[in-house]
PDB file of N, CA and C in Angstrom:
ATOM      1  N   UNK A   1     -10.165  78.892 -65.817  1.00  0.00           N
ATOM      2  CA  UNK A   1      -8.768  79.341 -65.927  1.00  0.00           C
ATOM      3  C   UNK A   1      -8.538  80.191 -64.515  1.00  0.00           C
ATOM      4  N   UNK A   2      -9.520  81.071 -64.149  1.00  0.00           N
ATOM      5  CA  UNK A   2      -9.212  81.825 -62.902  1.00  0.00           C
ATOM      6  C   UNK A   2      -8.985  81.099 -61.719  1.00  0.00           C
ATOM      7  N   UNK A   3      -9.722  79.767 -61.539  1.00  0.00           N
ATOM      8  CA  UNK A   3      -9.276  78.919 -60.419  1.00  0.00           C
ATOM      9  C   UNK A   3      -8.023  78.399 -60.402  1.00  0.00           C
ATOM     10  N   UNK A   4      -7.388  78.187 -61.565  1.00  0.00           N
ATOM     11  CA  UNK A   4      -5.932  77.758 -61.760  1.00  0.00           C
ATOM     12  C   UNK A   4      -4.907  78.814 -61.148  1.00  0.00           C
ATOM     13  N   UNK A   5      -5.322  80.094 -61.668  1.00  0.00           N
ATOM     14  CA  UNK A   5      -4.397  81.231 -61.179  1.00  0.00           C
ATOM     15  C   UNK A   5      -4.438  81.712 -59.813  1.00  0.00           C
ATOM     16  N   UNK A   6      -5.624  81.503 -59.177  1.00  0.00           N
ATOM     17  CA  UNK A   6      -5.737  81.977 -57.951  1.00  0.00           C
ATOM     18  C   UNK A   6      -4.771  81.614 -56.952  1.00  0.00           C
ATOM     19  N   UNK A   7      -4.571  80.099 -56.777  1.00  0.00           N
ATOM     20  CA  UNK A   7      -3.491  79.629 -55.839  1.00  0.00           C
ATOM     21  C   UNK A   7      -2.208  80.144 -56.101  1.00  0.00           C
ATOM     22  N   UNK A   8      -1.736  80.293 -57.407  1.00  0.00           N
ATOM     23  CA  UNK A   8      -0.531  80.708 -57.813  1.00  0.00           C
ATOM     24  C   UNK A   8      -0.323  82.201 -57.277  1.00  0.00           C
ATOM     25  N   UNK A   9      -1.484  83.138 -57.595  1.00  0.00           N
ATOM     26  CA  UNK A   9      -1.478  84.402 -57.248  1.00  0.00           C
ATOM     27  C   UNK A   9      -1.302  84.553 -55.688  1.00  0.00           C
ATOM     28  N   UNK A  10      -2.110  83.726 -54.937  1.00  0.00           N
ATOM     29  CA  UNK A  10      -2.227  83.747 -53.580  1.00  0.00           C
ATOM     30  C   UNK A  10      -0.672  83.418 -52.888  1.00  0.00           C
ATOM     31  N   UNK A  11      -0.045  82.347 -53.466  1.00  0.00           N
ATOM     32  CA  UNK A  11       1.360  82.033 -53.259  1.00  0.00           C
ATOM     33  C   UNK A  11       2.234  83.126 -53.368  1.00  0.00           C
ATOM     34  N   UNK A  12       2.200  83.744 -54.548  1.00  0.00           N
ATOM     35  CA  UNK A  12       2.941  84.925 -54.864  1.00  0.00           C
ATOM     36  C   UNK A  12       2.799  86.074 -53.872  1.00  0.00           C
ATOM     37  N   UNK A  13       1.561  86.399 -53.471  1.00  0.00           N
ATOM     38  CA  UNK A  13       1.322  87.462 -52.599  1.00  0.00           C
ATOM     39  C   UNK A  13       1.886  87.118 -51.229  1.00  0.00           C
ATOM     40  N   UNK A  14       1.670  85.778 -50.826  1.00  0.00           N
ATOM     41  CA  UNK A  14       2.277  85.451 -49.445  1.00  0.00           C
ATOM     42  C   UNK A  14       3.901  85.568 -49.577  1.00  0.00           C
ATOM     43  N   UNK A  15       4.482  85.043 -50.563  1.00  0.00           N
ATOM     44  CA  UNK A  15       5.812  85.312 -50.776  1.00  0.00           C
ATOM     45  C   UNK A  15       6.577  86.628 -50.656  1.00  0.00           C
ATOM     46  N   UNK A  16       5.870  87.438 -51.560  1.00  0.00           N
ATOM     47  CA  UNK A  16       6.328  88.945 -51.573  1.00  0.00           C
ATOM     48  C   UNK A  16       5.980  89.610 -50.180  1.00  0.00           C
ATOM     49  N   UNK A  17       4.858  89.058 -49.428  1.00  0.00           N
ATOM     50  CA  UNK A  17       4.781  89.852 -48.258  1.00  0.00           C
ATOM     51  C   UNK A  17       5.723  89.307 -47.214  1.00  0.00           C
ATOM     52  N   UNK A  18       6.092  87.992 -47.306  1.00  0.00           N
ATOM     53  CA  UNK A  18       7.021  87.505 -46.377  1.00  0.00           C
ATOM     54  C   UNK A  18       8.592  88.205 -46.549  1.00  0.00           C
ATOM     55  N   UNK A  19       8.749  88.436 -47.929  1.00  0.00           N
ATOM     56  CA  UNK A  19      10.057  89.105 -48.335  1.00  0.00           C
ATOM     57  C   UNK A  19       9.912  90.589 -47.726  1.00  0.00           C
ATOM     58  N   UNK A  20       8.844  91.190 -47.861  1.00  0.00           N
ATOM     59  CA  UNK A  20       8.646  92.539 -47.386  1.00  0.00           C
ATOM     60  C   UNK A  20       8.941  92.692 -45.827  1.00  0.00           C
ATOM     61  N   UNK A  21       8.302  91.790 -45.085  1.00  0.00           N
ATOM     62  CA  UNK A  21       8.493  91.711 -43.647  1.00  0.00           C
ATOM     63  C   UNK A  21       9.897  91.384 -43.255  1.00  0.00           C
ATOM     64  N   UNK A  22      10.582  90.538 -43.839  1.00  0.00           N
ATOM     65  CA  UNK A  22      12.040  90.066 -43.656  1.00  0.00           C
ATOM     66  C   UNK A  22      12.755  91.201 -43.777  1.00  0.00           C
ATOM     67  N   UNK A  23      12.654  92.209 -44.957  1.00  0.00           N
ATOM     68  CA  UNK A  23      13.406  93.154 -45.149  1.00  0.00           C
ATOM     69  C   UNK A  23      13.219  94.322 -44.030  1.00  0.00           C
ATOM     70  N   UNK A  24      11.849  94.430 -43.721  1.00  0.00           N
ATOM     71  CA  UNK A  24      11.379  95.405 -42.859  1.00  0.00           C
ATOM     72  C   UNK A  24      12.225  95.243 -41.470  1.00  0.00           C
ATOM     73  N   UNK A  25      11.990  93.926 -41.008  1.00  0.00           N
ATOM     74  CA  UNK A  25      12.827  93.616 -39.835  1.00  0.00           C
ATOM     75  C   UNK A  25      14.232  93.741 -39.769  1.00  0.00           C
ATOM     76  N   UNK A  26      15.001  93.332 -40.969  1.00  0.00           N
ATOM     77  CA  UNK A  26      16.288  93.556 -41.041  1.00  0.00           C
ATOM     78  C   UNK A  26      16.769  95.100 -40.770  1.00  0.00           C
ATOM     79  N   UNK A  27      16.018  95.987 -41.623  1.00  0.00           N
ATOM     80  CA  UNK A  27      16.262  97.331 -41.475  1.00  0.00           C
ATOM     81  C   UNK A  27      16.088  97.852 -40.167  1.00  0.00           C
ATOM     82  N   UNK A  28      14.991  97.435 -39.550  1.00  0.00           N
ATOM     83  CA  UNK A  28      14.747  97.898 -38.174  1.00  0.00           C
ATOM     84  C   UNK A  28      15.818  97.335 -37.145  1.00  0.00           C
ATOM     85  N   UNK A  29      16.340  96.249 -37.203  1.00  0.00           N
ATOM     86  CA  UNK A  29      17.495  95.802 -36.505  1.00  0.00           C
ATOM     87  C   UNK A  29      18.691  96.669 -36.633  1.00  0.00           C
ATOM     88  N   UNK A  30      18.895  96.909 -38.058  1.00  0.00           N
ATOM     89  CA  UNK A  30      20.113  97.669 -38.436  1.00  0.00           C
ATOM     90  C   UNK A  30      20.087  99.005 -37.851  1.00  0.00           C
ATOM     91  N   UNK A  31      18.855  99.718 -37.944  1.00  0.00           N
ATOM     92  CA  UNK A  31      18.754 101.113 -37.407  1.00  0.00           C
ATOM     93  C   UNK A  31      18.802 101.140 -35.924  1.00  0.00           C
ATOM     94  N   UNK A  32      18.145 100.201 -35.248  1.00  0.00           N
ATOM     95  CA  UNK A  32      18.275 100.139 -33.674  1.00  0.00           C
ATOM     96  C   UNK A  32      19.889 100.010 -33.324  1.00  0.00           C
ATOM     97  N   UNK A  33      20.411  99.178 -33.973  1.00  0.00           N
ATOM     98  CA  UNK A  33      21.867  98.841 -33.540  1.00  0.00           C
ATOM     99  C   UNK A  33      22.727 100.104 -33.885  1.00  0.00           C
ATOM    100  N   UNK A  34      22.417 100.889 -34.977  1.00  0.00           N
ATOM    101  CA  UNK A  34      22.970 102.160 -35.046  1.00  0.00           C
ATOM    102  C   UNK A  34      22.683 103.321 -34.019  1.00  0.00           C
ATOM    103  N   UNK A  35      21.525 103.241 -33.862  1.00  0.00           N
ATOM    104  CA  UNK A  35      20.839 104.272 -32.665  1.00  0.00           C
ATOM    105  C   UNK A  35      21.384 104.085 -31.443  1.00  0.00           C
ATOM    106  N   UNK A  36      21.643 102.890 -31.058  1.00  0.00           N
ATOM    107  CA  UNK A  36      21.977 102.537 -29.684  1.00  0.00           C
ATOM    108  C   UNK A  36      23.596 102.463 -29.545  1.00  0.00           C
ATOM    109  N   UNK A  37      24.283 103.548 -29.342  1.00  0.00           N
ATOM    110  CA  UNK A  37      25.809 103.633 -29.298  1.00  0.00           C
ATOM    111  C   UNK A  37      26.189 102.974 -28.060  1.00  0.00           C
ATOM    112  N   UNK A  38      25.636 103.450 -26.649  1.00  0.00           N
ATOM    113  CA  UNK A  38      25.946 103.125 -25.508  1.00  0.00           C
ATOM    114  C   UNK A  38      24.989 101.954 -25.078  1.00  0.00           C
ATOM    115  N   UNK A  39      25.535 100.747 -25.310  1.00  0.00           N
ATOM    116  CA  UNK A  39      24.547  99.545 -24.931  1.00  0.00           C
ATOM    117  C   UNK A  39      24.586  99.134 -23.583  1.00  0.00           C
ATOM    118  N   UNK A  40      23.530  98.908 -22.852  1.00  0.00           N
ATOM    119  CA  UNK A  40      23.450  98.400 -21.656  1.00  0.00           C
ATOM    120  C   UNK A  40      23.159  96.919 -21.856  1.00  0.00           C
ATOM    121  N   UNK A  41      23.203  96.153 -20.807  1.00  0.00           N
ATOM    122  CA  UNK A  41      22.720  94.676 -20.869  1.00  0.00           C
ATOM    123  C   UNK A  41      21.348  94.440 -21.507  1.00  0.00           C
ATOM    124  N   UNK A  42      20.492  95.267 -20.985  1.00  0.00           N
ATOM    125  CA  UNK A  42      19.034  94.957 -21.383  1.00  0.00           C
ATOM    126  C   UNK A  42      18.932  95.523 -22.954  1.00  0.00           C
ATOM    127  N   UNK A  43      19.681  96.423 -23.303  1.00  0.00           N
ATOM    128  CA  UNK A  43      19.546  96.886 -24.627  1.00  0.00           C
ATOM    129  C   UNK A  43      20.204  95.858 -25.515  1.00  0.00           C
ATOM    130  N   UNK A  44      21.360  95.237 -25.075  1.00  0.00           N
ATOM    131  CA  UNK A  44      21.920  94.071 -25.854  1.00  0.00           C
ATOM    132  C   UNK A  44      21.254  92.838 -26.058  1.00  0.00           C
ATOM    133  N   UNK A  45      20.324  92.596 -25.058  1.00  0.00           N
ATOM    134  CA  UNK A  45      19.539  91.385 -25.037  1.00  0.00           C
ATOM    135  C   UNK A  45      18.341  91.700 -26.101  1.00  0.00           C
ATOM    136  N   UNK A  46      17.776  92.983 -26.078  1.00  0.00           N
ATOM    137  CA  UNK A  46      16.696  93.413 -27.045  1.00  0.00           C
ATOM    138  C   UNK A  46      17.258  93.335 -28.406  1.00  0.00           C
ATOM    139  N   UNK A  47      18.462  93.739 -28.605  1.00  0.00           N
ATOM    140  CA  UNK A  47      19.083  93.679 -30.107  1.00  0.00           C
ATOM    141  C   UNK A  47      19.290  92.220 -30.329  1.00  0.00           C
ATOM    142  N   UNK A  48      19.769  91.505 -29.432  1.00  0.00           N
ATOM    143  CA  UNK A  48      19.949  89.953 -29.749  1.00  0.00           C
ATOM    144  C   UNK A  48      18.642  89.377 -30.190  1.00  0.00           C
ATOM    145  N   UNK A  49      17.512  89.708 -29.454  1.00  0.00           N
ATOM    146  CA  UNK A  49      16.250  89.120 -29.665  1.00  0.00           C
ATOM    147  C   UNK A  49      15.714  89.449 -31.146  1.00  0.00           C
ATOM    148  N   UNK A  50      15.903  90.751 -31.351  1.00  0.00           N
ATOM    149  CA  UNK A  50      15.565  91.192 -32.770  1.00  0.00           C
ATOM    150  C   UNK A  50      16.430  90.767 -33.724  1.00  0.00           C
ATOM    151  N   UNK A  51      17.676  90.408 -33.538  1.00  0.00           N
ATOM    152  CA  UNK A  51      18.431  89.721 -34.646  1.00  0.00           C
ATOM    153  C   UNK A  51      18.116  88.323 -34.717  1.00  0.00           C
ATOM    154  N   UNK A  52      17.581  87.664 -33.706  1.00  0.00           N
ATOM    155  CA  UNK A  52      17.233  86.326 -33.772  1.00  0.00           C
ATOM    156  C   UNK A  52      15.780  86.166 -34.507  1.00  0.00           C
ATOM    157  N   UNK A  53      14.973  87.336 -34.389  1.00  0.00           N
ATOM    158  CA  UNK A  53      13.715  87.288 -35.218  1.00  0.00           C
ATOM    159  C   UNK A  53      14.110  87.595 -36.713  1.00  0.00           C
ATOM    160  N   UNK A  54      15.090  88.368 -36.838  1.00  0.00           N
ATOM    161  CA  UNK A  54      15.339  88.537 -38.294  1.00  0.00           C
ATOM    162  C   UNK A  54      15.955  87.255 -38.927  1.00  0.00           C
ATOM    163  N   UNK A  55      16.868  86.661 -38.122  1.00  0.00           N
ATOM    164  CA  UNK A  55      17.181  85.385 -38.579  1.00  0.00           C
ATOM    165  C   UNK A  55      16.282  84.275 -38.987  1.00  0.00           C
ATOM    166  N   UNK A  56      15.024  84.268 -38.092  1.00  0.00           N
ATOM    167  CA  UNK A  56      13.917  83.310 -38.340  1.00  0.00           C
ATOM    168  C   UNK A  56      13.219  83.919 -39.619  1.00  0.00           C
ATOM    169  N   UNK A  57      12.960  85.087 -39.927  1.00  0.00           N
ATOM    170  CA  UNK A  57      12.307  85.547 -41.026  1.00  0.00           C
ATOM    171  C   UNK A  57      13.184  84.948 -42.346  1.00  0.00           C
ATOM    172  N   UNK A  58      14.498  84.987 -42.308  1.00  0.00           N
ATOM    173  CA  UNK A  58      15.318  84.785 -43.438  1.00  0.00           C
ATOM    174  C   UNK A  58      15.252  83.203 -43.529  1.00  0.00           C
ATOM    175  N   UNK A  59      15.140  82.507 -42.406  1.00  0.00           N
ATOM    176  CA  UNK A  59      15.005  81.075 -42.512  1.00  0.00           C
ATOM    177  C   UNK A  59      13.853  80.567 -43.099  1.00  0.00           C
ATOM    178  N   UNK A  60      12.677  81.390 -42.638  1.00  0.00           N
ATOM    179  CA  UNK A  60      11.418  80.927 -43.121  1.00  0.00           C
ATOM    180  C   UNK A  60      11.318  81.130 -44.850  1.00  0.00           C
ATOM    181  N   UNK A  61      11.923  82.365 -45.222  1.00  0.00           N
ATOM    182  CA  UNK A  61      12.010  82.605 -46.686  1.00  0.00           C
ATOM    183  C   UNK A  61      12.645  81.559 -47.353  1.00  0.00           C
ATOM    184  N   UNK A  62      13.811  80.981 -46.698  1.00  0.00           N
ATOM    185  CA  UNK A  62      14.599  80.004 -47.557  1.00  0.00           C
ATOM    186  C   UNK A  62      13.872  78.716 -47.488  1.00  0.00           C
ATOM    187  N   UNK A  63      13.082  78.333 -46.438  1.00  0.00           N
ATOM    188  CA  UNK A  63      12.215  77.148 -46.516  1.00  0.00           C
ATOM    189  C   UNK A  63      11.027  77.353 -47.420  1.00  0.00           C
ATOM    190  N   UNK A  64      10.526  78.532 -47.466  1.00  0.00           N
ATOM    191  CA  UNK A  64       9.347  78.997 -48.457  1.00  0.00           C
ATOM    192  C   UNK A  64       9.842  78.680 -49.722  1.00  0.00           C
ATOM    193  N   UNK A  65      11.133  78.925 -50.146  1.00  0.00           N
ATOM    194  CA  UNK A  65      11.635  78.803 -51.559  1.00  0.00           C
ATOM    195  C   UNK A  65      11.820  77.492 -51.957  1.00  0.00           C
ATOM    196  N   UNK A  66      11.973  76.456 -50.863  1.00  0.00           N
ATOM    197  CA  UNK A  66      12.339  75.033 -51.326  1.00  0.00           C
ATOM    198  C   UNK A  66      10.998  74.246 -51.759  1.00  0.00           C
TER     199      UNK A  66
END
């Protein structure tokens, strides 16, 4: 029975780890966007890159759930 539960537990651990990283990236992007009031072009590009990374995390969560 342990061998049957191990893949399920492993998949659950990977899923929750993925959710944790996605939420962490989301809050990091939100915090950075709040901290940077006067945005230069370089700062806008960094925030855009972080926003794209956040979107990729959420897309990977969506694909993982299917």
